[in-house]
Amino acid sequence: MNDISDNKSGPAGTPETSAKGRDQGGLATASEADAEGQSKSVAVPGESSRRSVDRFGIDGVSGFMGMRWDSADTVRLEIRPELINAGGLLSGVVTYALVDYCMGSTLWPHTTEDEHIATLNISINYIQTATEGEIVCKTELDRRNRTNAVLRSEVRHEDSRLLVSAIGSYAIFPARKRPRVP
């Protein structure tokens, strides 16, 4: 279960960020150089604006996988040899994690400072696979009420092939004070 309950920071317990520090999509911004070397503002989920975008991800898992956020509802990654399973195909764990992080970051802007979220269930359909290139997950929030949310995602290859479809449910619950882990 992906429990986001220690702080108001985004998926998987990233550094604390208040709602005031997020843009309208729930993302903080950082600067990044474009192709001409000019600095530009880039959205980074759950991170303060001082975070450098030269590293991928918002925590160790998403960083290892190389997840990059275009927006709260769009996450991408480049397929690398470390993400290929023993059968020579992209590991299902990678696409599952991509969906979970994208669903969490899509829901996050729809919460208050007094709410946290946790993955309840994700039903995933593996349609095709890939061994190289970039994949992109897009998520839509279908319904959010006081205690639950339902979302759906698609993961597509850069050539637009549908690789994965998924539906997920998340719990929304009151924030509780817990000691921070160093």
C-alpha atoms as a PDB file:
ATOM      1  CA  MET A   1       0.000   0.000   0.000  1.00  0.00           C
ATOM      2  CA  ASN A   2       1.322   3.425  -0.907  1.00  0.00           C
ATOM      3  CA  ASP A   3       0.544   5.313   2.317  1.00  0.00           C
ATOM      4  CA  ILE A   4       1.096   9.032   2.182  1.00  0.00           C
ATOM      5  CA  SER A   5       0.488   9.966   5.760  1.00  0.00           C
ATOM      6  CA  ASP A   6       3.631  11.439   7.259  1.00  0.00           C
ATOM      7  CA  ASN A   7       3.421  14.874   5.644  1.00  0.00           C
ATOM      8  CA  LYS A   8       1.782  16.905   2.907  1.00  0.00           C
ATOM      9  CA  SER A   9       4.491  16.196   0.429  1.00  0.00           C
ATOM     10  CA  GLY A  10       3.343  13.938  -2.341  1.00  0.00           C
ATOM     11  CA  PRO A  11       3.731  10.258  -3.114  1.00  0.00           C
ATOM     12  CA  ALA A  12       5.887   8.079  -0.927  1.00  0.00           C
ATOM     13  CA  GLY A  13       6.888  10.577   1.752  1.00  0.00           C
ATOM     14  CA  THR A  14       8.925  13.152  -0.112  1.00  0.00           C
ATOM     15  CA  PRO A  15      10.165  16.303   1.636  1.00  0.00           C
ATOM     16  CA  GLU A  16       7.446  18.404   3.210  1.00  0.00           C
ATOM     17  CA  THR A  17       5.635  20.845   0.927  1.00  0.00           C
ATOM     18  CA  SER A  18       2.565  22.811   1.911  1.00  0.00           C
ATOM     19  CA  ALA A  19      -0.373  23.448  -0.404  1.00  0.00           C
ATOM     20  CA  LYS A  20       0.791  27.066  -0.647  1.00  0.00           C
ATOM     21  CA  GLY A  21       4.082  25.839  -2.127  1.00  0.00           C
ATOM     22  CA  ARG A  22       2.372  23.909  -4.910  1.00  0.00           C
ATOM     23  CA  ASP A  23       1.171  25.176  -8.277  1.00  0.00           C
ATOM     24  CA  GLN A  24      -2.412  24.599  -9.412  1.00  0.00           C
ATOM     25  CA  GLY A  25      -1.607  20.990 -10.316  1.00  0.00           C
ATOM     26  CA  GLY A  26      -0.217  20.338  -6.842  1.00  0.00           C
ATOM     27  CA  LEU A  27       3.356  20.548  -8.081  1.00  0.00           C
ATOM     28  CA  ALA A  28       6.195  22.720  -6.944  1.00  0.00           C
ATOM     29  CA  THR A  29       8.353  24.288  -9.608  1.00  0.00           C
ATOM     30  CA  ALA A  30      12.080  24.220 -10.149  1.00  0.00           C
ATOM     31  CA  SER A  31      14.263  25.586 -12.894  1.00  0.00           C
ATOM     32  CA  GLU A  32      15.866  23.492 -15.604  1.00  0.00           C
ATOM     33  CA  ALA A  33      17.951  24.444 -18.618  1.00  0.00           C
ATOM     34  CA  ASP A  34      16.317  24.037 -22.026  1.00  0.00           C
ATOM     35  CA  ALA A  35      18.127  22.973 -25.230  1.00  0.00           C
ATOM     36  CA  GLU A  36      19.675  26.439 -25.607  1.00  0.00           C
ATOM     37  CA  GLY A  37      20.915  26.466 -22.020  1.00  0.00           C
ATOM     38  CA  GLN A  38      18.217  28.889 -20.865  1.00  0.00           C
ATOM     39  CA  SER A  39      16.659  28.305 -17.476  1.00  0.00           C
ATOM     40  CA  LYS A  40      12.980  27.366 -17.399  1.00  0.00           C
ATOM     41  CA  SER A  41      10.482  26.457 -14.679  1.00  0.00           C
ATOM     42  CA  VAL A  42       9.639  22.776 -14.359  1.00  0.00           C
ATOM     43  CA  ALA A  43       6.909  21.186 -12.226  1.00  0.00           C
ATOM     44  CA  VAL A  44       8.171  18.674  -9.691  1.00  0.00           C
ATOM     45  CA  PRO A  45       5.514  16.771  -7.713  1.00  0.00           C
ATOM     46  CA  GLY A  46       5.719  16.979  -3.965  1.00  0.00           C
ATOM     47  CA  GLU A  47       8.967  18.885  -3.893  1.00  0.00           C
ATOM     48  CA  SER A  48       9.860  22.367  -2.792  1.00  0.00           C
ATOM     49  CA  SER A  49      10.971  24.858  -5.420  1.00  0.00           C
ATOM     50  CA  ARG A  50      14.587  24.611  -4.286  1.00  0.00           C
ATOM     51  CA  ARG A  51      14.859  20.959  -5.430  1.00  0.00           C
ATOM     52  CA  SER A  52      17.043  20.445  -8.450  1.00  0.00           C
ATOM     53  CA  VAL A  53      15.423  18.613 -11.368  1.00  0.00           C
ATOM     54  CA  ASP A  54      18.724  17.093 -12.470  1.00  0.00           C
ATOM     55  CA  ARG A  55      17.756  13.901 -10.647  1.00  0.00           C
ATOM     56  CA  PHE A  56      14.733  11.835 -11.549  1.00  0.00           C
ATOM     57  CA  GLY A  57      11.889  10.943  -9.263  1.00  0.00           C
ATOM     58  CA  ILE A  58      10.501  12.211  -6.002  1.00  0.00           C
ATOM     59  CA  ASP A  59      11.917   9.445  -3.821  1.00  0.00           C
ATOM     60  CA  GLY A  60      14.324   6.519  -4.073  1.00  0.00           C
ATOM     61  CA  VAL A  61      11.982   4.162  -5.938  1.00  0.00           C
ATOM     62  CA  SER A  62      10.737   6.641  -8.535  1.00  0.00           C
ATOM     63  CA  GLY A  63      14.274   7.998  -8.853  1.00  0.00           C
ATOM     64  CA  PHE A  64      15.756   4.562  -9.498  1.00  0.00           C
ATOM     65  CA  MET A  65      13.130   3.867 -12.128  1.00  0.00           C
ATOM     66  CA  GLY A  66      13.751   7.249 -13.734  1.00  0.00           C
ATOM     67  CA  MET A  67      10.211   8.637 -13.450  1.00  0.00           C
ATOM     68  CA  ARG A  68       9.790  12.221 -14.648  1.00  0.00           C
ATOM     69  CA  TRP A  69       6.657  14.325 -14.176  1.00  0.00           C
ATOM     70  CA  ASP A  70       5.273  16.449 -17.021  1.00  0.00           C
ATOM     71  CA  SER A  71       2.313  17.372 -14.803  1.00  0.00           C
ATOM     72  CA  ALA A  72       0.462  15.857 -11.854  1.00  0.00           C
ATOM     73  CA  ASP A  73      -1.380  13.472 -14.191  1.00  0.00           C
ATOM     74  CA  THR A  74       1.425  12.583 -16.618  1.00  0.00           C
ATOM     75  CA  VAL A  75       4.558  10.628 -15.696  1.00  0.00           C
ATOM     76  CA  ARG A  76       7.135   9.204 -18.081  1.00  0.00           C
ATOM     77  CA  LEU A  77      10.253   7.093 -18.005  1.00  0.00           C
ATOM     78  CA  GLU A  78      12.925   5.836 -20.358  1.00  0.00           C
ATOM     79  CA  ILE A  79      13.268   2.045 -20.522  1.00  0.00           C
ATOM     80  CA  ARG A  80      16.787   1.016 -19.404  1.00  0.00           C
ATOM     81  CA  PRO A  81      18.458  -2.413 -19.113  1.00  0.00           C
ATOM     82  CA  GLU A  82      17.942  -2.392 -15.307  1.00  0.00           C
ATOM     83  CA  LEU A  83      14.166  -2.348 -15.876  1.00  0.00           C
ATOM     84  CA  ILE A  84      14.116  -5.420 -18.129  1.00  0.00           C
ATOM     85  CA  ASN A  85      13.149  -8.742 -16.503  1.00  0.00           C
ATOM     86  CA  ALA A  86      14.758 -12.179 -16.951  1.00  0.00           C
ATOM     87  CA  GLY A  87      12.444 -12.845 -19.897  1.00  0.00           C
ATOM     88  CA  GLY A  88      13.931  -9.876 -21.755  1.00  0.00           C
ATOM     89  CA  LEU A  89      10.833  -7.675 -21.412  1.00  0.00           C
ATOM     90  CA  LEU A  90       9.948  -4.566 -19.448  1.00  0.00           C
ATOM     91  CA  SER A  91       9.128  -5.715 -15.920  1.00  0.00           C
ATOM     92  CA  GLY A  92       5.488  -5.482 -14.926  1.00  0.00           C
ATOM     93  CA  VAL A  93       6.653  -4.029 -11.618  1.00  0.00           C
ATOM     94  CA  VAL A  94       7.889  -0.955 -13.474  1.00  0.00           C
ATOM     95  CA  THR A  95       4.588  -0.217 -15.196  1.00  0.00           C
ATOM     96  CA  TYR A  96       2.646  -0.997 -12.009  1.00  0.00           C
ATOM     97  CA  ALA A  97       4.791   1.454 -10.030  1.00  0.00           C
ATOM     98  CA  LEU A  98       4.450   4.058 -12.793  1.00  0.00           C
ATOM     99  CA  VAL A  99       0.653   3.739 -12.589  1.00  0.00           C
ATOM    100  CA  ASP A 100       0.635   3.910  -8.763  1.00  0.00           C
ATOM    101  CA  TYR A 101       2.816   7.019  -8.627  1.00  0.00           C
ATOM    102  CA  CYS A 102       0.848   8.714 -11.399  1.00  0.00           C
ATOM    103  CA  MET A 103      -2.483   7.946  -9.719  1.00  0.00           C
ATOM    104  CA  GLY A 104      -1.186   9.251  -6.396  1.00  0.00           C
ATOM    105  CA  SER A 105       0.141  12.470  -7.903  1.00  0.00           C
ATOM    106  CA  THR A 106      -3.102  12.972  -9.867  1.00  0.00           C
ATOM    107  CA  LEU A 107      -5.171  12.665  -6.686  1.00  0.00           C
ATOM    108  CA  TRP A 108      -2.794  14.678  -4.464  1.00  0.00           C
ATOM    109  CA  PRO A 109      -3.871  18.174  -5.685  1.00  0.00           C
ATOM    110  CA  HIS A 110      -7.475  17.232  -4.829  1.00  0.00           C
ATOM    111  CA  THR A 111      -6.663  16.817  -1.136  1.00  0.00           C
ATOM    112  CA  THR A 112      -6.389  19.311   1.684  1.00  0.00           C
ATOM    113  CA  GLU A 113      -3.648  19.791   4.254  1.00  0.00           C
ATOM    114  CA  ASP A 114      -5.787  17.727   6.650  1.00  0.00           C
ATOM    115  CA  GLU A 115      -6.062  14.697   4.344  1.00  0.00           C
ATOM    116  CA  HIS A 116      -3.731  11.898   3.357  1.00  0.00           C
ATOM    117  CA  ILE A 117      -4.126   9.157   0.759  1.00  0.00           C
ATOM    118  CA  ALA A 118      -3.251   5.495   0.448  1.00  0.00           C
ATOM    119  CA  THR A 119      -3.576   3.022  -2.401  1.00  0.00           C
ATOM    120  CA  LEU A 120      -6.341   0.505  -1.733  1.00  0.00           C
ATOM    121  CA  ASN A 121      -6.311  -1.445  -4.975  1.00  0.00           C
ATOM    122  CA  ILE A 122      -5.050  -1.224  -8.528  1.00  0.00           C
ATOM    123  CA  SER A 123      -6.357  -3.579 -11.175  1.00  0.00           C
ATOM    124  CA  ILE A 124      -3.931  -3.622 -14.064  1.00  0.00           C
ATOM    125  CA  ASN A 125      -4.204  -5.087 -17.557  1.00  0.00           C
ATOM    126  CA  TYR A 126      -0.924  -5.811 -19.322  1.00  0.00           C
ATOM    127  CA  ILE A 127      -1.751  -5.527 -23.026  1.00  0.00           C
ATOM    128  CA  GLN A 128       1.658  -5.294 -24.699  1.00  0.00           C
ATOM    129  CA  THR A 129       5.232  -4.783 -23.617  1.00  0.00           C
ATOM    130  CA  ALA A 130       8.321  -2.949 -24.767  1.00  0.00           C
ATOM    131  CA  THR A 131      12.075  -3.369 -24.474  1.00  0.00           C
ATOM    132  CA  GLU A 132      13.305   0.122 -25.344  1.00  0.00           C
ATOM    133  CA  GLY A 133      12.149   3.699 -25.746  1.00  0.00           C
ATOM    134  CA  GLU A 134      10.043   5.907 -23.534  1.00  0.00           C
ATOM    135  CA  ILE A 135       6.724   5.103 -21.889  1.00  0.00           C
ATOM    136  CA  VAL A 136       4.159   7.607 -20.622  1.00  0.00           C
ATOM    137  CA  CYS A 137       1.428   7.141 -18.020  1.00  0.00           C
ATOM    138  CA  LYS A 138      -1.625   9.423 -18.095  1.00  0.00           C
ATOM    139  CA  THR A 139      -4.206   9.295 -15.323  1.00  0.00           C
ATOM    140  CA  GLU A 140      -7.717  10.676 -14.915  1.00  0.00           C
ATOM    141  CA  LEU A 141      -9.556  11.151 -11.648  1.00  0.00           C
ATOM    142  CA  ASP A 142     -13.009   9.649 -12.221  1.00  0.00           C
ATOM    143  CA  ARG A 143     -14.527  10.232  -8.791  1.00  0.00           C
ATOM    144  CA  ARG A 144     -13.478  11.637  -5.443  1.00  0.00           C
ATOM    145  CA  ASN A 145     -15.687  11.780  -2.395  1.00  0.00           C
ATOM    146  CA  ARG A 146     -14.975  12.307   1.283  1.00  0.00           C
ATOM    147  CA  THR A 147     -13.238   8.960   1.880  1.00  0.00           C
ATOM    148  CA  ASN A 148     -12.392   7.402  -1.503  1.00  0.00           C
ATOM    149  CA  ALA A 149     -11.249   8.137  -5.023  1.00  0.00           C
ATOM    150  CA  VAL A 150     -11.324   6.140  -8.233  1.00  0.00           C
ATOM    151  CA  LEU A 151      -8.810   6.774 -10.995  1.00  0.00           C
ATOM    152  CA  ARG A 152      -7.890   5.219 -14.333  1.00  0.00           C
ATOM    153  CA  SER A 153      -4.603   5.178 -16.175  1.00  0.00           C
ATOM    154  CA  GLU A 154      -3.098   4.211 -19.486  1.00  0.00           C
ATOM    155  CA  VAL A 155       0.564   3.567 -20.163  1.00  0.00           C
ATOM    156  CA  ARG A 156       1.591   4.080 -23.765  1.00  0.00           C
ATOM    157  CA  HIS A 157       4.860   3.578 -25.574  1.00  0.00           C
ATOM    158  CA  GLU A 158       6.398   6.554 -27.385  1.00  0.00           C
ATOM    159  CA  ASP A 159       5.105   5.014 -30.627  1.00  0.00           C
ATOM    160  CA  SER A 160       1.553   5.363 -29.130  1.00  0.00           C
ATOM    161  CA  ARG A 161       0.989   1.617 -28.554  1.00  0.00           C
ATOM    162  CA  LEU A 162      -1.182   0.921 -25.500  1.00  0.00           C
ATOM    163  CA  LEU A 163       0.865  -1.157 -23.074  1.00  0.00           C
ATOM    164  CA  VAL A 164      -1.211  -1.047 -19.883  1.00  0.00           C
ATOM    165  CA  SER A 165      -4.663   0.015 -18.743  1.00  0.00           C
ATOM    166  CA  ALA A 166      -5.537   0.250 -15.055  1.00  0.00           C
ATOM    167  CA  ILE A 167      -8.184   1.336 -12.598  1.00  0.00           C
ATOM    168  CA  GLY A 168      -7.349   2.144  -9.010  1.00  0.00           C
ATOM    169  CA  SER A 169      -9.023   3.063  -5.758  1.00  0.00           C
ATOM    170  CA  TYR A 170      -7.492   5.183  -3.024  1.00  0.00           C
ATOM    171  CA  ALA A 171      -8.483   5.835   0.565  1.00  0.00           C
ATOM    172  CA  ILE A 172      -8.691   9.448   1.718  1.00  0.00           C
ATOM    173  CA  PHE A 173      -8.372   9.813   5.469  1.00  0.00           C
ATOM    174  CA  PRO A 174      -7.680  12.441   8.131  1.00  0.00           C
ATOM    175  CA  ALA A 175      -4.059  13.305   8.685  1.00  0.00           C
ATOM    176  CA  ARG A 176      -2.680  12.050  11.949  1.00  0.00           C
ATOM    177  CA  LYS A 177       0.377  13.270  13.723  1.00  0.00           C
ATOM    178  CA  ARG A 178       3.136  10.679  13.644  1.00  0.00           C
ATOM    179  CA  PRO A 179       6.761  11.065  14.583  1.00  0.00           C
ATOM    180  CA  ARG A 180       8.904  11.866  11.568  1.00  0.00           C
ATOM    181  CA  VAL A 181      11.451   9.290  10.554  1.00  0.00           C
ATOM    182  CA  PRO A 182      14.925  10.827  10.158  1.00  0.00           C
END
